[in-house]
């Protein structure tokens, strides 16, 4: 085990060596002055070097101690790191990702939504997999084409696109291909009476949120 006092002893030793060198240098200068006329240029260089060493020493001695890190360091859980890795390297896993449990698929989707990685192309890749819920509230990529990709997941039972306004009734029409849908949130969207009529074919739909839309009926 390293000696805790080793650094202090080394620092003291270096300081003693510096003092000895400084005294020896002063003695040599005194002897040179007594023996022969000093070289002005050499004396100025030696004095400059000595001043720099003294300034460096003073800087080290007065330097503030490094601040300690406050609070414990919290590393990300391994499962979060794995999810992030999978989401950023999906191309390596497409051949087997459909074999993952439904809850893992759900977490992958949620992670991609949070990181803004889920686009219509990616959504198409998830088509037919065991995805039962999609929470896309205030998610800007949601458009008519995006909802077309969503409709490739016939097992979907819950879809929330509240606060999204880049789609129209055409996008709502694609949702007719989700027969198991029981919950649908379209609040704050651009759906109209025409779009709502498209939803009449969804016989399992029991909850529909149309708050803040253009519905008149």
Protein backbone atom coordinates (compact mmCIF):
# COMPACT_ATOMS: atom_id res chain seq x y z
CA UNK A 1 0.00 0.00 0.00
CA UNK A 2 1.41 3.49 -0.88
CA UNK A 3 2.76 5.48 2.06
CA UNK A 4 0.36 8.44 2.70
CA UNK A 5 3.27 10.61 3.79
CA UNK A 6 5.44 9.84 0.79
CA UNK A 7 4.23 12.86 -1.22
CA UNK A 8 4.92 15.19 1.73
CA UNK A 9 8.45 13.80 2.22
CA UNK A 10 9.23 14.13 -1.48
CA UNK A 11 8.00 17.72 -1.46
CA UNK A 12 10.19 18.52 1.58
CA UNK A 13 13.20 16.85 -0.05
CA UNK A 14 12.74 18.89 -3.23
CA UNK A 15 12.44 22.05 -1.17
CA UNK A 16 15.69 21.28 0.71
CA UNK A 17 17.49 20.61 -2.56
CA UNK A 18 16.27 23.93 -3.92
CA UNK A 19 17.52 25.78 -0.81
CA UNK A 20 20.92 24.08 -1.05
CA UNK A 21 21.20 24.93 -4.74
CA UNK A 22 20.22 28.53 -4.05
CA UNK A 23 22.84 28.86 -1.26
CA UNK A 24 25.51 27.21 -3.38
CA UNK A 25 24.71 29.54 -6.26
CA UNK A 26 25.00 32.58 -3.99
CA UNK A 27 28.39 31.38 -2.70
CA UNK A 28 29.64 30.82 -6.23
CA UNK A 29 28.59 34.31 -7.26
CA UNK A 30 30.38 35.79 -4.24
CA UNK A 31 33.54 33.84 -5.02
CA UNK A 32 33.41 34.89 -8.68
CA UNK A 33 33.03 38.52 -7.72
CA UNK A 34 36.12 38.27 -5.44
CA UNK A 35 38.20 36.38 -7.99
CA UNK A 36 37.49 38.30 -11.20
CA UNK A 37 35.07 40.81 -12.75
CA UNK A 38 31.74 39.11 -13.44
CA UNK A 39 30.37 38.74 -16.96
CA UNK A 40 27.36 41.14 -17.02
CA UNK A 41 25.37 39.05 -19.53
CA UNK A 42 25.95 35.81 -17.64
CA UNK A 43 25.00 37.43 -14.35
CA UNK A 44 21.75 38.75 -15.79
CA UNK A 45 20.82 35.31 -17.19
CA UNK A 46 21.58 33.59 -13.89
CA UNK A 47 19.57 36.16 -11.99
CA UNK A 48 16.63 35.77 -14.37
CA UNK A 49 16.66 31.97 -13.98
CA UNK A 50 16.82 32.28 -10.21
CA UNK A 51 13.89 34.71 -10.19
CA UNK A 52 11.80 32.38 -12.32
CA UNK A 53 12.50 29.46 -10.03
CA UNK A 54 11.58 31.54 -7.00
CA UNK A 55 8.34 32.71 -8.66
CA UNK A 56 7.45 29.12 -9.60
CA UNK A 57 8.04 27.98 -6.06
CA UNK A 58 5.87 30.79 -4.67
CA UNK A 59 3.09 29.92 -7.14
CA UNK A 60 3.10 26.26 -6.08
CA UNK A 61 3.08 27.11 -2.40
CA UNK A 62 0.16 29.54 -2.71
CA UNK A 63 -1.93 27.51 -5.18
CA UNK A 64 -5.35 26.56 -3.75
CA UNK A 65 -6.07 22.91 -3.11
CA UNK A 66 -8.33 21.23 -5.70
CA UNK A 67 -12.01 21.24 -4.82
CA UNK A 68 -13.48 17.93 -3.70
CA UNK A 69 -16.43 16.57 -5.68
CA UNK A 70 -19.57 17.01 -3.63
CA UNK A 71 -22.06 14.19 -3.35
CA UNK A 72 -21.80 10.58 -4.52
CA UNK A 73 -21.26 9.71 -8.16
CA UNK A 74 -24.26 7.93 -9.64
CA UNK A 75 -23.52 5.77 -12.66
CA UNK A 76 -26.31 4.87 -15.08
CA UNK A 77 -27.83 1.42 -14.52
CA UNK A 78 -26.49 -1.23 -16.86
CA UNK A 79 -29.91 -1.80 -18.41
CA UNK A 80 -30.12 1.87 -19.41
CA UNK A 81 -26.69 1.71 -21.00
CA UNK A 82 -27.69 -1.42 -22.91
CA UNK A 83 -30.92 0.17 -24.13
CA UNK A 84 -29.03 3.24 -25.33
CA UNK A 85 -26.53 1.03 -27.15
CA UNK A 86 -29.28 -0.99 -28.84
CA UNK A 87 -31.19 2.13 -29.89
CA UNK A 88 -28.12 3.70 -31.47
CA UNK A 89 -27.11 0.47 -33.22
CA UNK A 90 -30.46 -0.99 -34.27
CA UNK A 91 -29.07 -2.03 -37.62
CA UNK A 92 -27.07 -4.73 -35.84
CA UNK A 93 -30.12 -6.23 -34.16
CA UNK A 94 -33.00 -6.11 -36.67
CA UNK A 95 -32.69 -9.83 -37.43
CA UNK A 96 -33.39 -10.73 -33.79
CA UNK A 97 -35.10 -7.72 -32.23
CA UNK A 98 -38.56 -9.17 -32.90
CA UNK A 99 -37.68 -12.06 -30.56
CA UNK A 100 -37.30 -9.74 -27.57
CA UNK A 101 -40.00 -9.74 -24.87
CA UNK A 102 -42.76 -7.19 -25.27
CA UNK A 103 -41.66 -5.15 -22.25
CA UNK A 104 -38.12 -4.78 -23.67
CA UNK A 105 -39.51 -3.71 -27.05
CA UNK A 106 -41.67 -1.18 -25.25
CA UNK A 107 -38.63 0.26 -23.45
CA UNK A 108 -36.68 0.47 -26.70
CA UNK A 109 -39.51 2.45 -28.28
CA UNK A 110 -39.76 4.77 -25.28
CA UNK A 111 -35.99 5.35 -25.27
CA UNK A 112 -36.04 6.20 -28.98
CA UNK A 113 -38.90 8.65 -28.50
CA UNK A 114 -37.04 10.42 -25.68
CA UNK A 115 -33.91 10.72 -27.82
CA UNK A 116 -35.90 11.81 -30.93
CA UNK A 117 -34.64 8.79 -32.89
CA UNK A 118 -38.00 7.28 -33.79
CA UNK A 119 -38.97 8.39 -37.29
CA UNK A 120 -41.39 6.95 -39.84
CA UNK A 121 -38.71 4.66 -41.32
CA UNK A 122 -37.88 3.21 -37.92
CA UNK A 123 -41.56 2.88 -37.13
CA UNK A 124 -42.02 0.77 -40.27
CA UNK A 125 -39.23 -1.54 -39.09
CA UNK A 126 -41.20 -2.20 -35.88
CA UNK A 127 -44.26 -3.20 -37.89
CA UNK A 128 -45.88 -6.45 -36.77
CA UNK A 129 -43.87 -6.67 -33.55
CA UNK A 130 -45.37 -7.00 -30.09
CA UNK A 131 -45.90 -3.31 -29.45
CA UNK A 132 -49.08 -2.56 -27.52
CA UNK A 133 -48.68 1.07 -26.44
CA UNK A 134 -47.31 4.20 -28.07
CA UNK A 135 -47.00 7.47 -26.18
CA UNK A 136 -46.08 10.14 -28.73
CA UNK A 137 -47.47 13.23 -27.05
CA UNK A 138 -45.93 16.45 -28.40
CA UNK A 139 -43.69 14.40 -30.69
CA UNK A 140 -42.93 16.57 -33.73
CA UNK A 141 -42.15 13.75 -36.21
CA UNK A 142 -45.79 12.58 -36.06
CA UNK A 143 -47.24 13.22 -39.51
CA UNK A 144 -49.58 11.48 -41.96
CA UNK A 145 -46.67 9.32 -43.16
CA UNK A 146 -45.67 8.56 -39.57
CA UNK A 147 -49.22 7.43 -38.71
CA UNK A 148 -49.15 5.21 -41.79
CA UNK A 149 -46.09 3.53 -40.31
CA UNK A 150 -47.84 3.25 -36.93
CA UNK A 151 -50.73 1.43 -38.60
CA UNK A 152 -48.34 -1.43 -39.43
CA UNK A 153 -48.60 -2.49 -35.76
CA UNK A 154 -52.03 -4.20 -35.61
CA UNK A 155 -51.45 -5.33 -32.01
CA UNK A 156 -51.47 -1.74 -30.78
CA UNK A 157 -54.11 -1.14 -28.09
CA UNK A 158 -53.18 2.37 -26.89
CA UNK A 159 -52.04 5.36 -28.95
CA UNK A 160 -51.48 8.88 -27.65
CA UNK A 161 -50.53 11.70 -30.02
CA UNK A 162 -51.81 14.63 -27.98
CA UNK A 163 -50.26 17.97 -28.87
CA UNK A 164 -49.16 16.76 -32.33
CA UNK A 165 -50.35 18.95 -35.21
CA UNK A 166 -48.39 17.86 -38.29
CA UNK A 167 -51.02 15.32 -39.35
CA UNK A 168 -54.47 15.67 -40.88
CA UNK A 169 -57.58 13.51 -41.31
CA UNK A 170 -55.64 11.51 -43.88
CA UNK A 171 -53.34 10.29 -41.11
CA UNK A 172 -56.35 9.42 -38.94
CA UNK A 173 -57.69 7.25 -41.74
CA UNK A 174 -54.63 5.00 -41.46
CA UNK A 175 -55.61 4.21 -37.87
CA UNK A 176 -58.51 2.11 -39.20
CA UNK A 177 -55.91 -0.65 -39.53
CA UNK A 178 -55.58 -0.90 -35.74
CA UNK A 179 -58.59 -3.07 -34.81
CA UNK A 180 -57.42 -3.71 -31.23
CA UNK A 181 -57.16 -0.03 -30.33
CA UNK A 182 -59.00 0.71 -27.09
CA UNK A 183 -57.53 4.12 -26.19
CA UNK A 184 -56.78 7.03 -28.53
CA UNK A 185 -55.64 10.51 -27.56
CA UNK A 186 -55.93 13.14 -30.30
CA UNK A 187 -56.12 16.19 -28.03
CA UNK A 188 -54.77 19.42 -29.48
CA UNK A 189 -54.51 17.89 -32.96
CA UNK A 190 -55.88 18.90 -36.36
CA UNK A 191 -58.48 16.16 -36.61
CA UNK A 192 -61.93 17.25 -37.85
CA UNK A 193 -65.38 15.65 -37.97
CA UNK A 194 -64.31 13.78 -41.10
CA UNK A 195 -61.38 12.19 -39.29
CA UNK A 196 -63.55 11.10 -36.38
CA UNK A 197 -65.92 9.33 -38.76
CA UNK A 198 -62.98 7.19 -39.92
CA UNK A 199 -62.71 5.89 -36.36
CA UNK A 200 -66.18 4.36 -36.31
CA UNK A 201 -64.75 1.09 -37.62
CA UNK A 202 -62.71 0.66 -34.44
CA UNK A 203 -65.17 -1.46 -32.49
CA UNK A 204 -62.86 -1.90 -29.48
CA UNK A 205 -62.25 1.82 -29.00
CA UNK A 206 -63.64 2.74 -25.57
CA UNK A 207 -61.81 5.99 -24.79
CA UNK A 208 -61.27 8.86 -27.22
CA UNK A 209 -59.72 12.19 -26.17
CA UNK A 210 -60.64 15.04 -28.55
CA UNK A 211 -59.97 17.98 -26.25
CA UNK A 212 -58.74 21.08 -28.09
CA UNK A 213 -59.55 19.77 -31.58
CA UNK A 214 -61.79 21.13 -34.36
CA UNK A 215 -64.60 18.68 -33.69
CA UNK A 216 -68.07 20.26 -33.89
CA UNK A 217 -70.35 17.24 -33.45
